[in-house]
Amino acid sequence: MVVKAVPKEIFKVVKSLVTEDRFSHMSRVAEWCLKIAASHGLRDDRLVLAAFSHDMFRDVKPGILVKLARFYKIEEKRYYFSRPVLLHGPVAAKYMKRRFGIDDEVFEA
């Protein structure tokens, strides 16, 4: 199971932020990434972490996403603020970097 590749603390935070349906979706995406990587002879838990954490802020209210984006000093692109849901990935990356020390290379995976 793919969630075994995710550190326990990260797993707990993600589980607390998303709905059960979202969590299932995130797990399936991470599993799919592993299958694609394996088909190319790769095994990289960074892919799992990136795929699994990308949607962790997807269920957060738009106003909170905007506040988090400003807190993390995410570039204020017009499309982000007209459609705040698009901030969920960049906010997740900044959060993971700050809270868990996950480097940018993971989110470029």
N, C-alpha and C. Protein backbone atom coordinates (compact mmCIF):
# COMPACT_ATOMS: atom_id res chain seq x y z
N MET A 1 0.85 -1.19 0.00
CA MET A 1 0.00 0.00 0.00
C MET A 1 0.88 1.24 0.00
N VAL A 2 0.52 2.21 -0.78
CA VAL A 2 1.35 3.39 -1.02
C VAL A 2 1.53 4.26 0.22
N VAL A 3 0.54 4.31 1.09
CA VAL A 3 0.66 5.20 2.25
C VAL A 3 1.77 4.77 3.19
N LYS A 4 2.25 3.55 3.07
CA LYS A 4 3.37 3.10 3.90
C LYS A 4 4.64 3.88 3.55
N ALA A 5 4.71 4.42 2.35
CA ALA A 5 5.88 5.19 1.92
C ALA A 5 5.83 6.63 2.44
N VAL A 6 4.72 7.01 3.06
CA VAL A 6 4.55 8.38 3.56
C VAL A 6 4.86 8.38 5.06
N PRO A 7 5.76 9.26 5.50
CA PRO A 7 6.07 9.34 6.94
C PRO A 7 4.80 9.55 7.78
N LYS A 8 4.76 8.90 8.96
CA LYS A 8 3.57 8.93 9.81
C LYS A 8 3.06 10.33 10.13
N GLU A 9 3.96 11.23 10.45
CA GLU A 9 3.53 12.59 10.82
C GLU A 9 2.85 13.28 9.65
N ILE A 10 3.41 13.11 8.45
CA ILE A 10 2.80 13.71 7.26
C ILE A 10 1.45 13.05 6.99
N PHE A 11 1.39 11.74 7.12
CA PHE A 11 0.15 11.00 6.94
C PHE A 11 -0.95 11.56 7.84
N LYS A 12 -0.63 11.77 9.12
CA LYS A 12 -1.61 12.28 10.08
C LYS A 12 -2.12 13.67 9.71
N VAL A 13 -1.20 14.55 9.31
CA VAL A 13 -1.60 15.91 8.93
C VAL A 13 -2.51 15.87 7.71
N VAL A 14 -2.11 15.13 6.71
CA VAL A 14 -2.92 15.05 5.49
C VAL A 14 -4.30 14.48 5.81
N LYS A 15 -4.34 13.42 6.57
CA LYS A 15 -5.61 12.77 6.92
C LYS A 15 -6.54 13.74 7.66
N SER A 16 -5.96 14.64 8.45
CA SER A 16 -6.78 15.58 9.23
C SER A 16 -7.32 16.73 8.37
N LEU A 17 -6.74 16.96 7.21
CA LEU A 17 -7.12 18.11 6.38
C LEU A 17 -8.12 17.79 5.27
N VAL A 18 -8.23 16.53 4.90
CA VAL A 18 -9.03 16.19 3.72
C VAL A 18 -10.19 15.26 4.06
N THR A 19 -11.15 15.23 3.16
CA THR A 19 -12.27 14.30 3.30
C THR A 19 -11.79 12.89 2.99
N GLU A 20 -12.59 11.91 3.37
CA GLU A 20 -12.24 10.52 3.09
C GLU A 20 -12.14 10.27 1.58
N ASP A 21 -13.05 10.87 0.82
CA ASP A 21 -13.00 10.73 -0.64
C ASP A 21 -11.72 11.32 -1.21
N ARG A 22 -11.34 12.48 -0.72
CA ARG A 22 -10.11 13.13 -1.20
C ARG A 22 -8.90 12.26 -0.83
N PHE A 23 -8.90 11.74 0.38
CA PHE A 23 -7.80 10.89 0.82
C PHE A 23 -7.66 9.66 -0.08
N SER A 24 -8.78 9.06 -0.42
CA SER A 24 -8.76 7.90 -1.32
C SER A 24 -8.20 8.29 -2.69
N HIS A 25 -8.64 9.44 -3.19
CA HIS A 25 -8.14 9.95 -4.47
C HIS A 25 -6.62 10.14 -4.40
N MET A 26 -6.15 10.77 -3.34
CA MET A 26 -4.72 11.05 -3.19
C MET A 26 -3.92 9.75 -3.15
N SER A 27 -4.44 8.76 -2.47
CA SER A 27 -3.76 7.46 -2.39
C SER A 27 -3.70 6.79 -3.76
N ARG A 28 -4.80 6.88 -4.52
CA ARG A 28 -4.81 6.29 -5.86
C ARG A 28 -3.83 7.00 -6.80
N VAL A 29 -3.76 8.32 -6.70
CA VAL A 29 -2.82 9.08 -7.53
C VAL A 29 -1.38 8.67 -7.21
N ALA A 30 -1.08 8.57 -5.93
CA ALA A 30 0.28 8.17 -5.52
C ALA A 30 0.59 6.76 -6.01
N GLU A 31 -0.37 5.86 -5.91
CA GLU A 31 -0.19 4.49 -6.39
C GLU A 31 0.06 4.47 -7.90
N TRP A 32 -0.69 5.27 -8.63
CA TRP A 32 -0.53 5.38 -10.08
C TRP A 32 0.87 5.88 -10.43
N CYS A 33 1.35 6.88 -9.68
CA CYS A 33 2.70 7.41 -9.91
C CYS A 33 3.74 6.33 -9.71
N LEU A 34 3.56 5.51 -8.69
CA LEU A 34 4.50 4.40 -8.46
C LEU A 34 4.50 3.42 -9.62
N LYS A 35 3.33 3.12 -10.14
CA LYS A 35 3.24 2.17 -11.26
C LYS A 35 3.95 2.72 -12.49
N ILE A 36 3.75 3.99 -12.76
CA ILE A 36 4.42 4.60 -13.91
C ILE A 36 5.93 4.60 -13.70
N ALA A 37 6.36 4.96 -12.51
CA ALA A 37 7.80 4.96 -12.21
C ALA A 37 8.37 3.56 -12.37
N ALA A 38 7.66 2.56 -11.86
CA ALA A 38 8.14 1.18 -11.95
C ALA A 38 8.24 0.72 -13.40
N SER A 39 7.32 1.19 -14.24
CA SER A 39 7.37 0.80 -15.65
C SER A 39 8.60 1.35 -16.35
N HIS A 40 9.22 2.35 -15.73
CA HIS A 40 10.45 2.93 -16.25
C HIS A 40 11.66 2.50 -15.43
N GLY A 41 11.46 1.49 -14.59
CA GLY A 41 12.56 0.97 -13.78
C GLY A 41 12.95 1.86 -12.62
N LEU A 42 12.05 2.70 -12.18
CA LEU A 42 12.35 3.63 -11.08
C LEU A 42 11.57 3.24 -9.83
N ARG A 43 12.14 3.54 -8.69
CA ARG A 43 11.43 3.41 -7.41
C ARG A 43 11.85 4.62 -6.59
N ASP A 44 10.96 5.54 -6.47
CA ASP A 44 11.33 6.79 -5.81
C ASP A 44 10.20 7.25 -4.90
N ASP A 45 10.43 7.20 -3.60
CA ASP A 45 9.41 7.62 -2.64
C ASP A 45 9.12 9.11 -2.72
N ARG A 46 10.01 9.87 -3.37
CA ARG A 46 9.73 11.30 -3.56
C ARG A 46 8.50 11.50 -4.43
N LEU A 47 8.34 10.63 -5.42
CA LEU A 47 7.14 10.69 -6.27
C LEU A 47 5.88 10.47 -5.44
N VAL A 48 5.94 9.49 -4.56
CA VAL A 48 4.79 9.19 -3.70
C VAL A 48 4.48 10.39 -2.82
N LEU A 49 5.50 10.96 -2.22
CA LEU A 49 5.29 12.10 -1.32
C LEU A 49 4.70 13.29 -2.07
N ALA A 50 5.23 13.58 -3.25
CA ALA A 50 4.71 14.70 -4.04
C ALA A 50 3.26 14.45 -4.46
N ALA A 51 2.99 13.27 -4.97
CA ALA A 51 1.63 12.94 -5.42
C ALA A 51 0.66 12.93 -4.25
N PHE A 52 1.09 12.38 -3.14
CA PHE A 52 0.22 12.24 -1.98
C PHE A 52 -0.08 13.58 -1.32
N SER A 53 0.88 14.48 -1.29
CA SER A 53 0.69 15.73 -0.55
C SER A 53 0.12 16.87 -1.40
N HIS A 54 0.15 16.73 -2.71
CA HIS A 54 -0.29 17.82 -3.59
C HIS A 54 -1.69 18.34 -3.25
N ASP A 55 -2.61 17.47 -2.98
CA ASP A 55 -4.00 17.87 -2.74
C ASP A 55 -4.35 18.08 -1.27
N MET A 56 -3.36 18.13 -0.41
CA MET A 56 -3.67 18.19 1.03
C MET A 56 -4.46 19.44 1.44
N PHE A 57 -4.38 20.51 0.67
CA PHE A 57 -5.14 21.72 0.98
C PHE A 57 -6.31 21.92 0.02
N ARG A 58 -6.65 20.91 -0.75
CA ARG A 58 -7.71 21.01 -1.76
C ARG A 58 -9.08 21.27 -1.16
N ASP A 59 -9.33 20.80 0.04
CA ASP A 59 -10.64 20.98 0.67
C ASP A 59 -10.71 22.20 1.58
N VAL A 60 -9.66 23.00 1.59
CA VAL A 60 -9.63 24.20 2.43
C VAL A 60 -10.42 25.31 1.74
N LYS A 61 -11.13 26.10 2.53
CA LYS A 61 -11.96 27.19 1.98
C LYS A 61 -11.09 28.21 1.23
N PRO A 62 -11.63 28.78 0.14
CA PRO A 62 -10.87 29.72 -0.69
C PRO A 62 -10.24 30.87 0.08
N GLY A 63 -10.97 31.47 1.00
CA GLY A 63 -10.42 32.60 1.76
C GLY A 63 -9.21 32.21 2.58
N ILE A 64 -9.22 31.00 3.12
CA ILE A 64 -8.08 30.52 3.90
C ILE A 64 -6.90 30.23 2.98
N LEU A 65 -7.19 29.67 1.79
CA LEU A 65 -6.11 29.43 0.82
C LEU A 65 -5.41 30.74 0.45
N VAL A 66 -6.18 31.79 0.24
CA VAL A 66 -5.59 33.09 -0.10
C VAL A 66 -4.72 33.59 1.05
N LYS A 67 -5.21 33.47 2.28
CA LYS A 67 -4.42 33.90 3.44
C LYS A 67 -3.14 33.09 3.56
N LEU A 68 -3.23 31.79 3.36
CA LEU A 68 -2.04 30.94 3.42
C LEU A 68 -1.05 31.31 2.31
N ALA A 69 -1.57 31.58 1.12
CA ALA A 69 -0.70 31.97 0.00
C ALA A 69 0.05 33.26 0.32
N ARG A 70 -0.63 34.19 0.93
CA ARG A 70 0.04 35.45 1.30
C ARG A 70 1.05 35.20 2.42
N PHE A 71 0.69 34.36 3.38
CA PHE A 71 1.60 34.02 4.47
C PHE A 71 2.89 33.39 3.92
N TYR A 72 2.73 32.49 2.95
CA TYR A 72 3.89 31.82 2.36
C TYR A 72 4.54 32.62 1.24
N LYS A 73 4.03 33.82 1.00
CA LYS A 73 4.57 34.72 -0.03
C LYS A 73 4.58 34.08 -1.41
N ILE A 74 3.49 33.42 -1.74
CA ILE A 74 3.34 32.84 -3.06
C ILE A 74 3.00 33.97 -4.03
N GLU A 75 3.66 33.97 -5.16
CA GLU A 75 3.47 35.03 -6.15
C GLU A 75 1.99 35.23 -6.45
N GLU A 76 1.56 36.45 -6.40
CA GLU A 76 0.13 36.76 -6.58
C GLU A 76 -0.23 36.86 -8.06
N LYS A 77 -0.37 35.71 -8.68
CA LYS A 77 -0.81 35.67 -10.07
C LYS A 77 -2.31 35.86 -10.11
N ARG A 78 -2.76 36.59 -11.08
CA ARG A 78 -4.18 36.94 -11.17
C ARG A 78 -5.08 35.70 -11.14
N TYR A 79 -4.71 34.67 -11.88
CA TYR A 79 -5.58 33.49 -11.94
C TYR A 79 -5.67 32.77 -10.60
N TYR A 80 -4.64 32.87 -9.76
CA TYR A 80 -4.72 32.26 -8.43
C TYR A 80 -5.82 32.91 -7.59
N PHE A 81 -5.88 34.21 -7.66
CA PHE A 81 -6.78 34.92 -6.77
C PHE A 81 -8.19 35.07 -7.34
N SER A 82 -8.34 34.81 -8.64
CA SER A 82 -9.70 34.76 -9.19
C SER A 82 -10.26 33.34 -9.04
N ARG A 83 -9.39 32.37 -8.88
CA ARG A 83 -9.78 30.97 -8.64
C ARG A 83 -8.87 30.41 -7.55
N PRO A 84 -9.13 30.75 -6.31
CA PRO A 84 -8.24 30.36 -5.20
C PRO A 84 -7.97 28.87 -5.07
N VAL A 85 -8.88 28.03 -5.56
CA VAL A 85 -8.66 26.59 -5.47
C VAL A 85 -7.33 26.20 -6.14
N LEU A 86 -6.90 26.99 -7.12
CA LEU A 86 -5.63 26.71 -7.81
C LEU A 86 -4.42 26.88 -6.90
N LEU A 87 -4.63 27.48 -5.75
CA LEU A 87 -3.53 27.68 -4.80
C LEU A 87 -3.23 26.42 -3.98
N HIS A 88 -4.08 25.40 -4.05
CA HIS A 88 -3.90 24.26 -3.16
C HIS A 88 -2.55 23.56 -3.33
N GLY A 89 -2.07 23.45 -4.56
CA GLY A 89 -0.77 22.81 -4.79
C GLY A 89 0.40 23.64 -4.30
N PRO A 90 0.48 24.92 -4.71
CA PRO A 90 1.57 25.76 -4.21
C PRO A 90 1.57 25.92 -2.69
N VAL A 91 0.40 26.03 -2.09
CA VAL A 91 0.32 26.13 -0.62
C VAL A 91 0.83 24.84 0.01
N ALA A 92 0.44 23.70 -0.54
CA ALA A 92 0.90 22.42 -0.02
C ALA A 92 2.43 22.31 -0.09
N ALA A 93 3.00 22.73 -1.21
CA ALA A 93 4.46 22.66 -1.36
C ALA A 93 5.17 23.53 -0.32
N LYS A 94 4.68 24.75 -0.14
CA LYS A 94 5.30 25.65 0.84
C LYS A 94 5.14 25.11 2.26
N TYR A 95 3.96 24.59 2.56
CA TYR A 95 3.70 24.03 3.88
C TYR A 95 4.64 22.86 4.15
N MET A 96 4.75 21.94 3.21
CA MET A 96 5.60 20.76 3.38
C MET A 96 7.06 21.16 3.56
N LYS A 97 7.48 22.16 2.84
CA LYS A 97 8.86 22.63 2.96
C LYS A 97 9.10 23.22 4.35
N ARG A 98 8.18 24.06 4.78
CA ARG A 98 8.35 24.74 6.07
C ARG A 98 8.17 23.80 7.26
N ARG A 99 7.13 22.99 7.23
CA ARG A 99 6.80 22.13 8.38
C ARG A 99 7.68 20.90 8.47
N PHE A 100 8.00 20.30 7.32
CA PHE A 100 8.71 19.03 7.33
C PHE A 100 10.09 19.07 6.67
N GLY A 101 10.47 20.23 6.15
CA GLY A 101 11.78 20.35 5.52
C GLY A 101 11.89 19.62 4.19
N ILE A 102 10.77 19.40 3.54
CA ILE A 102 10.77 18.72 2.24
C ILE A 102 11.31 19.70 1.20
N ASP A 103 12.31 19.26 0.44
CA ASP A 103 12.93 20.19 -0.50
C ASP A 103 12.16 20.30 -1.81
N ASP A 104 12.49 21.34 -2.56
CA ASP A 104 11.79 21.63 -3.82
C ASP A 104 11.88 20.50 -4.83
N GLU A 105 12.95 19.72 -4.77
CA GLU A 105 13.13 18.63 -5.71
C GLU A 105 11.96 17.64 -5.65
N VAL A 106 11.41 17.45 -4.47
CA VAL A 106 10.27 16.54 -4.33
C VAL A 106 9.09 17.05 -5.13
N PHE A 107 8.85 18.36 -5.10
CA PHE A 107 7.69 18.91 -5.77
C PHE A 107 7.91 19.14 -7.25
N GLU A 108 9.12 18.91 -7.71
CA GLU A 108 9.40 18.94 -9.14
C GLU A 108 9.33 17.54 -9.73
N ALA A 109 9.08 16.56 -8.86
CA ALA A 109 9.04 15.15 -9.30
C ALA A 109 7.89 14.91 -10.25
